[in-house]
Amino acid sequence: MTDTSMPPSYACASEILIRILRGRWAPSLVMVIGQRGPIHFSAIAREVRGISVKVLTEQLRDLVENGVLNRITNESRPEVYYELTPRGRELKLALDSLNELADRWPRL
């Protein structure tokens, strides 16, 4: 789990969010899950192309542990779904704003 406590040396509170999103795929996972609602593990893997099952599992686990995602299991079938928590929905709004800013910037 990512340590989200803020040591006094941090000059910017947003560093906590950046640490949560530090994984290469974390922003994409938040966006896909936020856009699709409760979504099955295999559907996430199809949506986020290029991610391995191992890395997807690790990134989803980190996001669950940090309170960004809920992991929903089905007792009658071996299915796992993921959805954003209220904290995750807030984070998606911030990513939406960053995406709008990125769209206005020239490509580097």
N, C-alpha and C. Protein backbone atom coordinates (compact mmCIF):
# COMPACT_ATOMS: atom_id res chain seq x y z
N MET A 1 0.84 -1.18 0.00
CA MET A 1 0.00 0.00 0.00
C MET A 1 0.89 1.24 0.00
N THR A 2 0.47 2.25 -0.71
CA THR A 2 1.19 3.51 -0.76
C THR A 2 0.97 4.27 0.54
N ASP A 3 2.05 4.78 1.11
CA ASP A 3 1.93 5.59 2.32
C ASP A 3 1.37 6.94 1.94
N THR A 4 0.14 7.24 2.39
CA THR A 4 -0.49 8.50 2.03
C THR A 4 -0.44 9.53 3.15
N SER A 5 0.29 9.23 4.23
CA SER A 5 0.46 10.24 5.27
C SER A 5 1.40 11.30 4.73
N MET A 6 1.21 12.52 5.15
CA MET A 6 1.99 13.61 4.59
C MET A 6 3.05 14.06 5.59
N PRO A 7 4.32 13.69 5.37
CA PRO A 7 5.38 14.16 6.24
C PRO A 7 5.48 15.68 6.16
N PRO A 8 5.97 16.32 7.21
CA PRO A 8 6.05 17.78 7.22
C PRO A 8 6.93 18.35 6.11
N SER A 9 7.79 17.53 5.50
CA SER A 9 8.70 18.04 4.47
C SER A 9 8.01 18.27 3.13
N TYR A 10 6.79 17.76 2.94
CA TYR A 10 6.10 17.97 1.67
C TYR A 10 5.69 19.42 1.54
N ALA A 11 6.05 20.02 0.41
CA ALA A 11 5.69 21.41 0.16
C ALA A 11 4.32 21.52 -0.49
N CYS A 12 3.82 20.42 -1.04
CA CYS A 12 2.58 20.44 -1.80
C CYS A 12 1.72 19.23 -1.39
N ALA A 13 0.52 19.50 -0.91
CA ALA A 13 -0.35 18.41 -0.46
C ALA A 13 -0.70 17.45 -1.59
N SER A 14 -0.66 17.91 -2.84
CA SER A 14 -1.02 17.03 -3.95
C SER A 14 0.00 15.91 -4.16
N GLU A 15 1.14 15.98 -3.51
CA GLU A 15 2.12 14.91 -3.62
C GLU A 15 1.53 13.58 -3.13
N ILE A 16 0.58 13.64 -2.21
CA ILE A 16 -0.09 12.42 -1.74
C ILE A 16 -0.80 11.75 -2.90
N LEU A 17 -1.53 12.54 -3.68
CA LEU A 17 -2.27 11.99 -4.82
C LEU A 17 -1.31 11.48 -5.89
N ILE A 18 -0.24 12.19 -6.08
CA ILE A 18 0.75 11.77 -7.08
C ILE A 18 1.36 10.43 -6.68
N ARG A 19 1.58 10.23 -5.40
CA ARG A 19 2.11 8.94 -4.93
C ARG A 19 1.12 7.82 -5.17
N ILE A 20 -0.19 8.09 -5.00
CA ILE A 20 -1.21 7.08 -5.26
C ILE A 20 -1.24 6.74 -6.74
N LEU A 21 -1.03 7.74 -7.58
CA LEU A 21 -1.10 7.56 -9.03
C LEU A 21 0.25 7.26 -9.66
N ARG A 22 1.24 6.92 -8.86
CA ARG A 22 2.60 6.75 -9.36
C ARG A 22 2.75 5.57 -10.32
N GLY A 23 1.90 4.59 -10.22
CA GLY A 23 1.98 3.44 -11.11
C GLY A 23 1.70 3.86 -12.54
N ARG A 24 2.43 3.29 -13.47
CA ARG A 24 2.30 3.66 -14.88
C ARG A 24 0.86 3.61 -15.36
N TRP A 25 0.08 2.65 -14.87
CA TRP A 25 -1.28 2.43 -15.37
C TRP A 25 -2.36 3.00 -14.47
N ALA A 26 -2.02 3.49 -13.29
CA ALA A 26 -3.03 3.92 -12.33
C ALA A 26 -3.99 4.99 -12.88
N PRO A 27 -3.49 6.06 -13.51
CA PRO A 27 -4.45 7.05 -14.05
C PRO A 27 -5.40 6.44 -15.07
N SER A 28 -4.89 5.60 -15.96
CA SER A 28 -5.75 4.96 -16.96
C SER A 28 -6.78 4.05 -16.31
N LEU A 29 -6.39 3.34 -15.27
CA LEU A 29 -7.33 2.46 -14.57
C LEU A 29 -8.44 3.27 -13.92
N VAL A 30 -8.09 4.37 -13.27
CA VAL A 30 -9.10 5.22 -12.65
C VAL A 30 -10.07 5.75 -13.70
N MET A 31 -9.53 6.18 -14.84
CA MET A 31 -10.39 6.72 -15.89
C MET A 31 -11.31 5.65 -16.48
N VAL A 32 -10.77 4.48 -16.80
CA VAL A 32 -11.58 3.41 -17.40
C VAL A 32 -12.67 2.95 -16.43
N ILE A 33 -12.29 2.70 -15.20
CA ILE A 33 -13.27 2.22 -14.21
C ILE A 33 -14.30 3.31 -13.92
N GLY A 34 -13.87 4.57 -13.90
CA GLY A 34 -14.80 5.67 -13.68
C GLY A 34 -15.78 5.85 -14.82
N GLN A 35 -15.35 5.59 -16.03
CA GLN A 35 -16.22 5.75 -17.20
C GLN A 35 -17.17 4.57 -17.38
N ARG A 36 -16.74 3.39 -16.99
CA ARG A 36 -17.52 2.18 -17.25
C ARG A 36 -18.34 1.71 -16.05
N GLY A 37 -18.10 2.30 -14.87
CA GLY A 37 -18.84 1.84 -13.70
C GLY A 37 -18.29 0.52 -13.21
N PRO A 38 -19.08 -0.24 -12.45
CA PRO A 38 -18.56 -1.54 -12.02
C PRO A 38 -18.17 -2.35 -13.27
N ILE A 39 -16.92 -2.78 -13.28
CA ILE A 39 -16.38 -3.43 -14.48
C ILE A 39 -15.59 -4.67 -14.07
N HIS A 40 -15.77 -5.72 -14.85
CA HIS A 40 -15.13 -7.01 -14.62
C HIS A 40 -13.63 -6.90 -14.89
N PHE A 41 -12.85 -7.67 -14.15
CA PHE A 41 -11.40 -7.67 -14.30
C PHE A 41 -10.98 -7.86 -15.75
N SER A 42 -11.55 -8.84 -16.43
CA SER A 42 -11.14 -9.11 -17.81
C SER A 42 -11.49 -7.96 -18.75
N ALA A 43 -12.58 -7.25 -18.47
CA ALA A 43 -12.95 -6.09 -19.30
C ALA A 43 -11.95 -4.96 -19.10
N ILE A 44 -11.45 -4.81 -17.88
CA ILE A 44 -10.41 -3.79 -17.63
C ILE A 44 -9.17 -4.15 -18.44
N ALA A 45 -8.78 -5.42 -18.41
CA ALA A 45 -7.60 -5.87 -19.14
C ALA A 45 -7.74 -5.59 -20.64
N ARG A 46 -8.95 -5.75 -21.18
CA ARG A 46 -9.18 -5.47 -22.60
C ARG A 46 -9.13 -3.97 -22.89
N GLU A 47 -9.65 -3.16 -21.98
CA GLU A 47 -9.71 -1.71 -22.18
C GLU A 47 -8.33 -1.05 -22.09
N VAL A 48 -7.51 -1.53 -21.18
CA VAL A 48 -6.19 -0.94 -20.95
C VAL A 48 -5.17 -1.84 -21.66
N ARG A 49 -4.96 -1.55 -22.91
CA ARG A 49 -4.10 -2.41 -23.73
C ARG A 49 -2.63 -2.26 -23.35
N GLY A 50 -1.95 -3.39 -23.35
CA GLY A 50 -0.53 -3.39 -23.07
C GLY A 50 -0.17 -3.71 -21.63
N ILE A 51 -1.15 -3.75 -20.75
CA ILE A 51 -0.88 -4.06 -19.35
C ILE A 51 -0.91 -5.57 -19.16
N SER A 52 0.05 -6.09 -18.42
CA SER A 52 0.07 -7.53 -18.14
C SER A 52 -0.91 -7.83 -17.00
N VAL A 53 -1.34 -9.08 -16.91
CA VAL A 53 -2.25 -9.48 -15.84
C VAL A 53 -1.61 -9.25 -14.48
N LYS A 54 -0.33 -9.54 -14.38
CA LYS A 54 0.39 -9.36 -13.10
C LYS A 54 0.38 -7.89 -12.68
N VAL A 55 0.73 -7.01 -13.59
CA VAL A 55 0.78 -5.58 -13.27
C VAL A 55 -0.62 -5.05 -13.01
N LEU A 56 -1.59 -5.48 -13.78
CA LEU A 56 -2.97 -5.06 -13.56
C LEU A 56 -3.42 -5.45 -12.16
N THR A 57 -3.13 -6.67 -11.77
CA THR A 57 -3.50 -7.13 -10.42
C THR A 57 -2.84 -6.28 -9.35
N GLU A 58 -1.55 -6.00 -9.51
CA GLU A 58 -0.82 -5.19 -8.53
C GLU A 58 -1.38 -3.78 -8.44
N GLN A 59 -1.62 -3.17 -9.59
CA GLN A 59 -2.11 -1.78 -9.60
C GLN A 59 -3.52 -1.70 -9.01
N LEU A 60 -4.38 -2.66 -9.35
CA LEU A 60 -5.72 -2.66 -8.78
C LEU A 60 -5.66 -2.85 -7.27
N ARG A 61 -4.78 -3.74 -6.81
CA ARG A 61 -4.63 -3.98 -5.37
C ARG A 61 -4.20 -2.70 -4.66
N ASP A 62 -3.24 -1.97 -5.23
CA ASP A 62 -2.78 -0.71 -4.63
C ASP A 62 -3.91 0.31 -4.57
N LEU A 63 -4.69 0.41 -5.64
CA LEU A 63 -5.79 1.38 -5.67
C LEU A 63 -6.88 1.01 -4.67
N VAL A 64 -7.12 -0.28 -4.47
CA VAL A 64 -8.08 -0.72 -3.46
C VAL A 64 -7.56 -0.37 -2.07
N GLU A 65 -6.28 -0.68 -1.82
CA GLU A 65 -5.69 -0.42 -0.50
C GLU A 65 -5.65 1.07 -0.17
N ASN A 66 -5.57 1.91 -1.19
CA ASN A 66 -5.54 3.35 -0.97
C ASN A 66 -6.93 3.99 -0.98
N GLY A 67 -7.97 3.18 -1.03
CA GLY A 67 -9.32 3.69 -0.92
C GLY A 67 -9.87 4.32 -2.19
N VAL A 68 -9.24 4.05 -3.33
CA VAL A 68 -9.68 4.62 -4.60
C VAL A 68 -10.71 3.71 -5.28
N LEU A 69 -10.56 2.40 -5.10
CA LEU A 69 -11.45 1.42 -5.72
C LEU A 69 -12.07 0.51 -4.67
N ASN A 70 -13.27 0.01 -5.01
CA ASN A 70 -13.87 -1.11 -4.29
C ASN A 70 -13.70 -2.35 -5.13
N ARG A 71 -13.37 -3.45 -4.48
CA ARG A 71 -13.28 -4.76 -5.15
C ARG A 71 -14.54 -5.52 -4.77
N ILE A 72 -15.32 -5.89 -5.77
CA ILE A 72 -16.61 -6.54 -5.54
C ILE A 72 -16.50 -7.98 -6.02
N THR A 73 -16.78 -8.93 -5.13
CA THR A 73 -16.75 -10.34 -5.51
C THR A 73 -18.16 -10.89 -5.52
N ASN A 74 -18.35 -11.90 -6.34
CA ASN A 74 -19.63 -12.57 -6.47
C ASN A 74 -19.50 -13.92 -5.76
N GLU A 75 -20.32 -14.14 -4.74
CA GLU A 75 -20.24 -15.38 -3.97
C GLU A 75 -20.62 -16.61 -4.80
N SER A 76 -21.55 -16.44 -5.73
CA SER A 76 -22.02 -17.60 -6.47
C SER A 76 -21.13 -17.96 -7.66
N ARG A 77 -20.34 -16.99 -8.15
CA ARG A 77 -19.44 -17.25 -9.29
C ARG A 77 -18.09 -16.61 -9.00
N PRO A 78 -17.04 -17.17 -9.57
CA PRO A 78 -15.71 -16.57 -9.33
C PRO A 78 -15.49 -15.34 -10.22
N GLU A 79 -16.22 -14.28 -9.93
CA GLU A 79 -16.10 -13.04 -10.69
C GLU A 79 -15.65 -11.92 -9.77
N VAL A 80 -14.85 -11.03 -10.32
CA VAL A 80 -14.40 -9.86 -9.56
C VAL A 80 -14.67 -8.62 -10.40
N TYR A 81 -15.31 -7.65 -9.77
CA TYR A 81 -15.59 -6.37 -10.40
C TYR A 81 -14.92 -5.27 -9.59
N TYR A 82 -14.67 -4.15 -10.25
CA TYR A 82 -14.10 -2.99 -9.58
C TYR A 82 -14.95 -1.77 -9.88
N GLU A 83 -15.06 -0.89 -8.88
CA GLU A 83 -15.76 0.37 -9.06
C GLU A 83 -15.03 1.44 -8.25
N LEU A 84 -15.23 2.71 -8.62
CA LEU A 84 -14.62 3.80 -7.87
C LEU A 84 -15.35 4.00 -6.55
N THR A 85 -14.60 4.33 -5.53
CA THR A 85 -15.17 4.75 -4.26
C THR A 85 -15.47 6.25 -4.37
N PRO A 86 -16.10 6.85 -3.36
CA PRO A 86 -16.27 8.31 -3.40
C PRO A 86 -14.92 9.03 -3.55
N ARG A 87 -13.91 8.52 -2.88
CA ARG A 87 -12.56 9.09 -3.01
C ARG A 87 -12.05 8.94 -4.44
N GLY A 88 -12.32 7.79 -5.05
CA GLY A 88 -11.92 7.54 -6.43
C GLY A 88 -12.64 8.46 -7.40
N ARG A 89 -13.94 8.74 -7.13
CA ARG A 89 -14.68 9.65 -8.00
C ARG A 89 -14.10 11.06 -7.92
N GLU A 90 -13.67 11.47 -6.73
CA GLU A 90 -13.00 12.77 -6.60
C GLU A 90 -11.70 12.80 -7.40
N LEU A 91 -10.96 11.72 -7.31
CA LEU A 91 -9.70 11.62 -8.03
C LEU A 91 -9.93 11.65 -9.54
N LYS A 92 -10.99 11.00 -10.01
CA LYS A 92 -11.30 11.02 -11.44
C LYS A 92 -11.62 12.44 -11.90
N LEU A 93 -12.33 13.21 -11.08
CA LEU A 93 -12.62 14.61 -11.43
C LEU A 93 -11.32 15.40 -11.60
N ALA A 94 -10.35 15.15 -10.71
CA ALA A 94 -9.06 15.83 -10.83
C ALA A 94 -8.35 15.39 -12.11
N LEU A 95 -8.41 14.11 -12.44
CA LEU A 95 -7.80 13.62 -13.68
C LEU A 95 -8.50 14.19 -14.91
N ASP A 96 -9.82 14.35 -14.83
CA ASP A 96 -10.56 14.99 -15.93
C ASP A 96 -10.02 16.39 -16.18
N SER A 97 -9.79 17.14 -15.10
CA SER A 97 -9.24 18.49 -15.23
C SER A 97 -7.84 18.47 -15.81
N LEU A 98 -7.01 17.54 -15.37
CA LEU A 98 -5.67 17.42 -15.92
C LEU A 98 -5.71 17.05 -17.40
N ASN A 99 -6.66 16.20 -17.79
CA ASN A 99 -6.81 15.84 -19.20
C ASN A 99 -7.20 17.05 -20.04
N GLU A 100 -8.08 17.89 -19.51
CA GLU A 100 -8.47 19.11 -20.22
C GLU A 100 -7.25 20.03 -20.39
N LEU A 101 -6.46 20.16 -19.35
CA LEU A 101 -5.24 20.98 -19.43
C LEU A 101 -4.28 20.40 -20.46
N ALA A 102 -4.09 19.08 -20.42
CA ALA A 102 -3.17 18.42 -21.36
C ALA A 102 -3.63 18.62 -22.81
N ASP A 103 -4.93 18.64 -23.04
CA ASP A 103 -5.46 18.86 -24.38
C ASP A 103 -5.13 20.25 -24.90
N ARG A 104 -5.01 21.22 -23.99
CA ARG A 104 -4.70 22.60 -24.40
C ARG A 104 -3.21 22.83 -24.61
N TRP A 105 -2.37 21.97 -24.07
CA TRP A 105 -0.93 22.13 -24.19
C TRP A 105 -0.46 21.52 -25.50
N PRO A 106 0.54 22.12 -26.10
CA PRO A 106 1.10 21.49 -27.30
C PRO A 106 1.76 20.17 -26.94
N ARG A 107 1.71 19.24 -27.85
CA ARG A 107 2.33 17.93 -27.62
C ARG A 107 3.83 18.07 -27.55
N LEU A 108 4.40 17.44 -26.57
CA LEU A 108 5.86 17.50 -26.39
C LEU A 108 6.54 16.39 -27.13
